[in-house]
Amino acid sequence: MINMLKKVKSLDNIDIGIVGGSNLKKQYEQLGEPDTKMFDWVFSENGLVGYKQDQKISETSIKDYLGEDSLKLVINKVLSYFSTLDIPDTKSQIFEINQIIDNSNRSYLTGSKC
């Protein structure tokens, strides 16, 4: 795949980019930092943080988009729903606040331990 992208990159007037769910550091680890340098555009955290040639050009969050009050409503609704579930392991973290969104830990819903 990387070799194909290098061929595309060698064409005139072609920009290439990637979008990933992780932060930029994790994307570099996953692809190998030298290979990430070939991308003109890199979008981390599901597109909420954008880079053009290693320079951050934009950043937003679900909190910025929804606002504090709306985000609280969403979190309370999810927590209320979770309180109705029969969850076997209640000692682990089931909610994570990060840049992307407030992620519920799906391992409780699927039975997998990631």
C-alpha atoms as a PDB file:
ATOM      1  CA  MET A   1       0.000   0.000   0.000  1.00  0.00           C
ATOM      2  CA  ILE A   2       2.772   2.442   0.915  1.00  0.00           C
ATOM      3  CA  ASN A   3       4.511   1.746  -2.407  1.00  0.00           C
ATOM      4  CA  MET A   4       1.326   2.521  -4.324  1.00  0.00           C
ATOM      5  CA  LEU A   5       0.907   5.786  -2.406  1.00  0.00           C
ATOM      6  CA  LYS A   6       4.505   6.734  -3.185  1.00  0.00           C
ATOM      7  CA  LYS A   7       3.777   6.223  -6.895  1.00  0.00           C
ATOM      8  CA  VAL A   8       0.670   8.411  -6.655  1.00  0.00           C
ATOM      9  CA  LYS A   9       2.624  11.036  -4.730  1.00  0.00           C
ATOM     10  CA  SER A  10       5.236  11.170  -7.499  1.00  0.00           C
ATOM     11  CA  LEU A  11       2.609  12.397  -9.987  1.00  0.00           C
ATOM     12  CA  ASP A  12       2.378  16.126 -10.638  1.00  0.00           C
ATOM     13  CA  ASN A  13      -0.195  18.194  -8.735  1.00  0.00           C
ATOM     14  CA  ILE A  14      -1.346  15.337  -6.509  1.00  0.00           C
ATOM     15  CA  ASP A  15      -1.802  15.795  -2.761  1.00  0.00           C
ATOM     16  CA  ILE A  16      -2.382  12.753  -0.601  1.00  0.00           C
ATOM     17  CA  GLY A  17      -3.569  12.481   2.963  1.00  0.00           C
ATOM     18  CA  ILE A  18      -4.721  10.139   5.677  1.00  0.00           C
ATOM     19  CA  VAL A  19      -7.440  10.182   8.301  1.00  0.00           C
ATOM     20  CA  GLY A  20      -7.058   8.180  11.489  1.00  0.00           C
ATOM     21  CA  GLY A  21      -8.778   7.759  14.804  1.00  0.00           C
ATOM     22  CA  SER A  22      -5.610   8.135  16.846  1.00  0.00           C
ATOM     23  CA  ASN A  23      -3.557  11.178  17.706  1.00  0.00           C
ATOM     24  CA  LEU A  24      -0.717  12.210  15.407  1.00  0.00           C
ATOM     25  CA  LYS A  25       1.975  10.476  17.469  1.00  0.00           C
ATOM     26  CA  LYS A  26       0.091   7.161  17.307  1.00  0.00           C
ATOM     27  CA  GLN A  27      -0.455   7.536  13.539  1.00  0.00           C
ATOM     28  CA  TYR A  28       3.294   8.049  13.098  1.00  0.00           C
ATOM     29  CA  GLU A  29       3.963   4.929  15.176  1.00  0.00           C
ATOM     30  CA  GLN A  30       1.493   2.870  13.157  1.00  0.00           C
ATOM     31  CA  LEU A  31       2.724   3.931   9.711  1.00  0.00           C
ATOM     32  CA  GLY A  32       6.354   4.570  10.506  1.00  0.00           C
ATOM     33  CA  GLU A  33       7.386   8.205  10.717  1.00  0.00           C
ATOM     34  CA  PRO A  34       9.380   8.309   7.439  1.00  0.00           C
ATOM     35  CA  ASP A  35       6.316   7.070   5.558  1.00  0.00           C
ATOM     36  CA  THR A  36       4.048   9.691   7.110  1.00  0.00           C
ATOM     37  CA  LYS A  37       6.237  12.477   5.695  1.00  0.00           C
ATOM     38  CA  MET A  38       4.912  11.670   2.206  1.00  0.00           C
ATOM     39  CA  PHE A  39       1.401  12.829   3.170  1.00  0.00           C
ATOM     40  CA  ASP A  40       0.512  16.436   2.450  1.00  0.00           C
ATOM     41  CA  TRP A  41      -2.531  16.221   4.698  1.00  0.00           C
ATOM     42  CA  VAL A  42      -2.904  14.300   7.956  1.00  0.00           C
ATOM     43  CA  PHE A  43      -6.138  14.268   9.924  1.00  0.00           C
ATOM     44  CA  SER A  44      -5.937  12.806  13.409  1.00  0.00           C
ATOM     45  CA  GLU A  45      -8.610  11.934  15.959  1.00  0.00           C
ATOM     46  CA  ASN A  46     -11.178  11.125  13.263  1.00  0.00           C
ATOM     47  CA  GLY A  47     -10.546  14.345  11.422  1.00  0.00           C
ATOM     48  CA  LEU A  48     -10.902  16.736  14.337  1.00  0.00           C
ATOM     49  CA  VAL A  49      -7.235  17.758  14.189  1.00  0.00           C
ATOM     50  CA  GLY A  50      -5.828  18.668  10.781  1.00  0.00           C
ATOM     51  CA  TYR A  51      -2.239  19.085   9.649  1.00  0.00           C
ATOM     52  CA  LYS A  52      -0.814  20.262   6.356  1.00  0.00           C
ATOM     53  CA  GLN A  53       2.836  19.281   5.933  1.00  0.00           C
ATOM     54  CA  ASP A  54       3.306  18.849   9.711  1.00  0.00           C
ATOM     55  CA  GLN A  55       1.765  22.232  10.553  1.00  0.00           C
ATOM     56  CA  LYS A  56      -1.485  22.144  12.545  1.00  0.00           C
ATOM     57  CA  ILE A  57      -4.148  23.963  10.554  1.00  0.00           C
ATOM     58  CA  SER A  58      -7.282  23.215  12.567  1.00  0.00           C
ATOM     59  CA  GLU A  59      -8.541  21.607  15.740  1.00  0.00           C
ATOM     60  CA  THR A  60     -11.987  21.155  17.207  1.00  0.00           C
ATOM     61  CA  SER A  61     -13.780  18.889  19.642  1.00  0.00           C
ATOM     62  CA  ILE A  62     -17.237  17.546  20.317  1.00  0.00           C
ATOM     63  CA  LYS A  63     -17.416  19.932  23.279  1.00  0.00           C
ATOM     64  CA  ASP A  64     -16.670  22.907  21.017  1.00  0.00           C
ATOM     65  CA  TYR A  65     -19.309  21.728  18.539  1.00  0.00           C
ATOM     66  CA  LEU A  66     -22.107  20.898  20.987  1.00  0.00           C
ATOM     67  CA  GLY A  67     -21.325  23.280  23.810  1.00  0.00           C
ATOM     68  CA  GLU A  68     -21.026  22.469  27.498  1.00  0.00           C
ATOM     69  CA  ASP A  69     -24.748  22.197  28.249  1.00  0.00           C
ATOM     70  CA  SER A  70     -25.576  19.938  25.300  1.00  0.00           C
ATOM     71  CA  LEU A  71     -22.576  17.740  26.021  1.00  0.00           C
ATOM     72  CA  LYS A  72     -23.741  17.309  29.620  1.00  0.00           C
ATOM     73  CA  LEU A  73     -27.157  16.204  28.343  1.00  0.00           C
ATOM     74  CA  VAL A  74     -25.555  13.592  26.073  1.00  0.00           C
ATOM     75  CA  ILE A  75     -23.277  12.296  28.840  1.00  0.00           C
ATOM     76  CA  ASN A  76     -26.149  12.105  31.321  1.00  0.00           C
ATOM     77  CA  LYS A  77     -28.328  10.258  28.795  1.00  0.00           C
ATOM     78  CA  VAL A  78     -25.582   7.700  28.111  1.00  0.00           C
ATOM     79  CA  LEU A  79     -24.847   7.230  31.807  1.00  0.00           C
ATOM     80  CA  SER A  80     -28.535   6.833  32.496  1.00  0.00           C
ATOM     81  CA  TYR A  81     -28.721   4.125  29.835  1.00  0.00           C
ATOM     82  CA  PHE A  82     -25.621   2.404  31.242  1.00  0.00           C
ATOM     83  CA  SER A  83     -27.245   2.331  34.661  1.00  0.00           C
ATOM     84  CA  THR A  84     -29.960   0.051  33.253  1.00  0.00           C
ATOM     85  CA  LEU A  85     -27.469  -2.511  31.901  1.00  0.00           C
ATOM     86  CA  ASP A  86     -26.334  -5.604  33.763  1.00  0.00           C
ATOM     87  CA  ILE A  87     -22.572  -5.070  33.489  1.00  0.00           C
ATOM     88  CA  PRO A  88     -20.488  -7.912  34.928  1.00  0.00           C
ATOM     89  CA  ASP A  89     -17.284  -5.913  35.582  1.00  0.00           C
ATOM     90  CA  THR A  90     -17.914  -2.583  37.274  1.00  0.00           C
ATOM     91  CA  LYS A  91     -14.337  -1.878  38.392  1.00  0.00           C
ATOM     92  CA  SER A  92     -12.994  -0.831  34.984  1.00  0.00           C
ATOM     93  CA  GLN A  93     -13.244   2.501  33.218  1.00  0.00           C
ATOM     94  CA  ILE A  94     -16.379   2.595  31.090  1.00  0.00           C
ATOM     95  CA  PHE A  95     -16.286   6.198  29.955  1.00  0.00           C
ATOM     96  CA  GLU A  96     -13.466   8.143  28.380  1.00  0.00           C
ATOM     97  CA  ILE A  97     -13.421  11.866  27.719  1.00  0.00           C
ATOM     98  CA  ASN A  98     -11.108  12.732  24.842  1.00  0.00           C
ATOM     99  CA  GLN A  99     -10.772  15.044  21.884  1.00  0.00           C
ATOM    100  CA  ILE A 100     -12.878  12.940  19.538  1.00  0.00           C
ATOM    101  CA  ILE A 101     -16.038  12.279  21.494  1.00  0.00           C
ATOM    102  CA  ASP A 102     -17.119  10.850  24.778  1.00  0.00           C
ATOM    103  CA  ASN A 103     -16.489   7.206  24.015  1.00  0.00           C
ATOM    104  CA  SER A 104     -18.376   4.542  25.852  1.00  0.00           C
ATOM    105  CA  ASN A 105     -16.222   1.471  26.334  1.00  0.00           C
ATOM    106  CA  ARG A 106     -17.766  -1.019  23.937  1.00  0.00           C
ATOM    107  CA  SER A 107     -16.011  -3.948  25.605  1.00  0.00           C
ATOM    108  CA  TYR A 108     -18.878  -4.079  28.085  1.00  0.00           C
ATOM    109  CA  LEU A 109     -21.393  -4.304  25.304  1.00  0.00           C
ATOM    110  CA  THR A 110     -19.518  -6.847  23.173  1.00  0.00           C
ATOM    111  CA  GLY A 111     -17.826  -8.909  25.865  1.00  0.00           C
ATOM    112  CA  SER A 112     -14.344  -8.259  24.466  1.00  0.00           C
ATOM    113  CA  LYS A 113     -11.511  -6.854  26.537  1.00  0.00           C
ATOM    114  CA  CYS A 114      -9.506  -4.527  24.287  1.00  0.00           C
END
